C-alpha atoms as a PDB file:
ATOM      1  CA  UNK A   1       0.000   0.000   0.000  1.00  0.00           C
ATOM      2  CA  UNK A   2       2.877   2.379   0.737  1.00  0.00           C
ATOM      3  CA  UNK A   3       4.102   2.021  -2.846  1.00  0.00           C
ATOM      4  CA  UNK A   4       0.653   3.038  -4.073  1.00  0.00           C
ATOM      5  CA  UNK A   5       0.428   6.028  -1.734  1.00  0.00           C
ATOM      6  CA  UNK A   6       3.840   7.280  -2.841  1.00  0.00           C
ATOM      7  CA  UNK A   7       3.145   6.658  -6.510  1.00  0.00           C
ATOM      8  CA  UNK A   8       5.954   4.138  -6.820  1.00  0.00           C
ATOM      9  CA  UNK A   9       4.082   1.966  -9.292  1.00  0.00           C
ATOM     10  CA  UNK A  10       4.241   2.322 -13.040  1.00  0.00           C
ATOM     11  CA  UNK A  11       0.722   1.077 -13.619  1.00  0.00           C
ATOM     12  CA  UNK A  12      -2.635   2.612 -12.893  1.00  0.00           C
ATOM     13  CA  UNK A  13      -3.376   2.330  -9.158  1.00  0.00           C
ATOM     14  CA  UNK A  14      -6.513   0.756  -7.780  1.00  0.00           C
ATOM     15  CA  UNK A  15      -9.563   2.997  -7.602  1.00  0.00           C
ATOM     16  CA  UNK A  16      -9.450   3.250  -3.810  1.00  0.00           C
ATOM     17  CA  UNK A  17      -5.823   4.471  -3.733  1.00  0.00           C
ATOM     18  CA  UNK A  18      -5.156   8.156  -3.265  1.00  0.00           C
ATOM     19  CA  UNK A  19      -1.675   9.123  -4.403  1.00  0.00           C
ATOM     20  CA  UNK A  20       0.164  11.699  -2.333  1.00  0.00           C
ATOM     21  CA  UNK A  21       3.409  11.762  -4.299  1.00  0.00           C
ATOM     22  CA  UNK A  22       4.306  11.059  -7.932  1.00  0.00           C
ATOM     23  CA  UNK A  23       7.223   8.787  -7.179  1.00  0.00           C
ATOM     24  CA  UNK A  24       7.201   6.857 -10.446  1.00  0.00           C
ATOM     25  CA  UNK A  25       7.587  10.085 -12.415  1.00  0.00           C
ATOM     26  CA  UNK A  26      10.475  11.171 -10.175  1.00  0.00           C
ATOM     27  CA  UNK A  27      12.164   7.778 -10.584  1.00  0.00           C
ATOM     28  CA  UNK A  28      11.718   7.756 -14.376  1.00  0.00           C
ATOM     29  CA  UNK A  29      13.120  11.294 -14.614  1.00  0.00           C
ATOM     30  CA  UNK A  30      16.115  10.447 -12.419  1.00  0.00           C
ATOM     31  CA  UNK A  31      16.889   7.310 -14.437  1.00  0.00           C
ATOM     32  CA  UNK A  32      16.656   9.228 -17.726  1.00  0.00           C
ATOM     33  CA  UNK A  33      19.044  11.888 -16.404  1.00  0.00           C
ATOM     34  CA  UNK A  34      21.455   9.226 -15.133  1.00  0.00           C
ATOM     35  CA  UNK A  35      21.385   7.427 -18.494  1.00  0.00           C
ATOM     36  CA  UNK A  36      22.053  10.668 -20.370  1.00  0.00           C
ATOM     37  CA  UNK A  37      24.967  11.545 -18.062  1.00  0.00           C
ATOM     38  CA  UNK A  38      26.544   8.101 -18.497  1.00  0.00           C
ATOM     39  CA  UNK A  39      26.095   8.089 -22.273  1.00  0.00           C
ATOM     40  CA  UNK A  40      27.571  11.574 -22.614  1.00  0.00           C
ATOM     41  CA  UNK A  41      30.423  10.569 -20.270  1.00  0.00           C
ATOM     42  CA  UNK A  42      29.514  13.426 -17.932  1.00  0.00           C
ATOM     43  CA  UNK A  43      29.224  10.813 -15.148  1.00  0.00           C
ATOM     44  CA  UNK A  44      31.274   9.847 -13.322  1.00  0.00           C
ATOM     45  CA  UNK A  45      33.194  13.081 -13.115  1.00  0.00           C
ATOM     46  CA  UNK A  46      36.575  13.591 -11.579  1.00  0.00           C
ATOM     47  CA  UNK A  47      35.034  14.557  -8.220  1.00  0.00           C
ATOM     48  CA  UNK A  48      33.009  11.329  -8.192  1.00  0.00           C
ATOM     49  CA  UNK A  49      35.952   9.048  -8.937  1.00  0.00           C
ATOM     50  CA  UNK A  50      38.620   7.454  -6.802  1.00  0.00           C
ATOM     51  CA  UNK A  51      42.200   7.875  -7.960  1.00  0.00           C
ATOM     52  CA  UNK A  52      45.281   5.789  -7.325  1.00  0.00           C
ATOM     53  CA  UNK A  53      48.090   7.488  -5.455  1.00  0.00           C
ATOM     54  CA  UNK A  54      50.895   8.516  -7.832  1.00  0.00           C
ATOM     55  CA  UNK A  55      53.365   5.949  -6.475  1.00  0.00           C
ATOM     56  CA  UNK A  56      50.947   3.048  -6.901  1.00  0.00           C
ATOM     57  CA  UNK A  57      49.888   4.281 -10.324  1.00  0.00           C
ATOM     58  CA  UNK A  58      53.492   4.174 -11.555  1.00  0.00           C
ATOM     59  CA  UNK A  59      53.965   0.664 -10.076  1.00  0.00           C
ATOM     60  CA  UNK A  60      50.696  -0.713 -11.466  1.00  0.00           C
ATOM     61  CA  UNK A  61      52.015  -2.073 -14.800  1.00  0.00           C
ATOM     62  CA  UNK A  62      54.684  -4.102 -12.972  1.00  0.00           C
ATOM     63  CA  UNK A  63      52.154  -5.410 -10.440  1.00  0.00           C
ATOM     64  CA  UNK A  64      49.759  -6.452 -13.208  1.00  0.00           C
ATOM     65  CA  UNK A  65      52.584  -8.200 -15.087  1.00  0.00           C
ATOM     66  CA  UNK A  66      53.448 -10.200 -11.957  1.00  0.00           C
ATOM     67  CA  UNK A  67      49.799 -11.186 -11.494  1.00  0.00           C
ATOM     68  CA  UNK A  68      49.464 -12.249 -15.120  1.00  0.00           C
ATOM     69  CA  UNK A  69      52.714 -14.186 -14.885  1.00  0.00           C
ATOM     70  CA  UNK A  70      51.618 -16.011 -11.727  1.00  0.00           C
ATOM     71  CA  UNK A  71      48.247 -16.830 -13.291  1.00  0.00           C
ATOM     72  CA  UNK A  72      50.024 -18.276 -16.310  1.00  0.00           C
ATOM     73  CA  UNK A  73      52.209 -20.383 -14.028  1.00  0.00           C
ATOM     74  CA  UNK A  74      49.125 -21.533 -12.132  1.00  0.00           C
ATOM     75  CA  UNK A  75      47.474 -22.595 -15.405  1.00  0.00           C
ATOM     76  CA  UNK A  76      50.621 -24.628 -16.246  1.00  0.00           C
ATOM     77  CA  UNK A  77      50.422 -26.312 -12.826  1.00  0.00           C
ATOM     78  CA  UNK A  78      46.734 -27.118 -13.280  1.00  0.00           C
ATOM     79  CA  UNK A  79      47.430 -28.818 -16.604  1.00  0.00           C
ATOM     80  CA  UNK A  80      50.278 -30.904 -15.232  1.00  0.00           C
ATOM     81  CA  UNK A  81      48.153 -32.134 -12.303  1.00  0.00           C
ATOM     82  CA  UNK A  82      45.646 -33.883 -14.568  1.00  0.00           C
END
């Protein structure tokens, strides 16, 4: 019943329901704005993103290479176990 009162349904409410808030319209509008922001690459912005510290960012390629290398070695071990 709360969903009906707040207008959080996308279908016509029952005759006995009185809507006090147009929630479905607000939700649809918010989702359309979010979609437009994502498609235009306006979201996420720099302020809404986490960034790696400079030191870690410079070390990242080496770290990823070590991970890939260890995964390759693990795959070799898995094949030899069978």
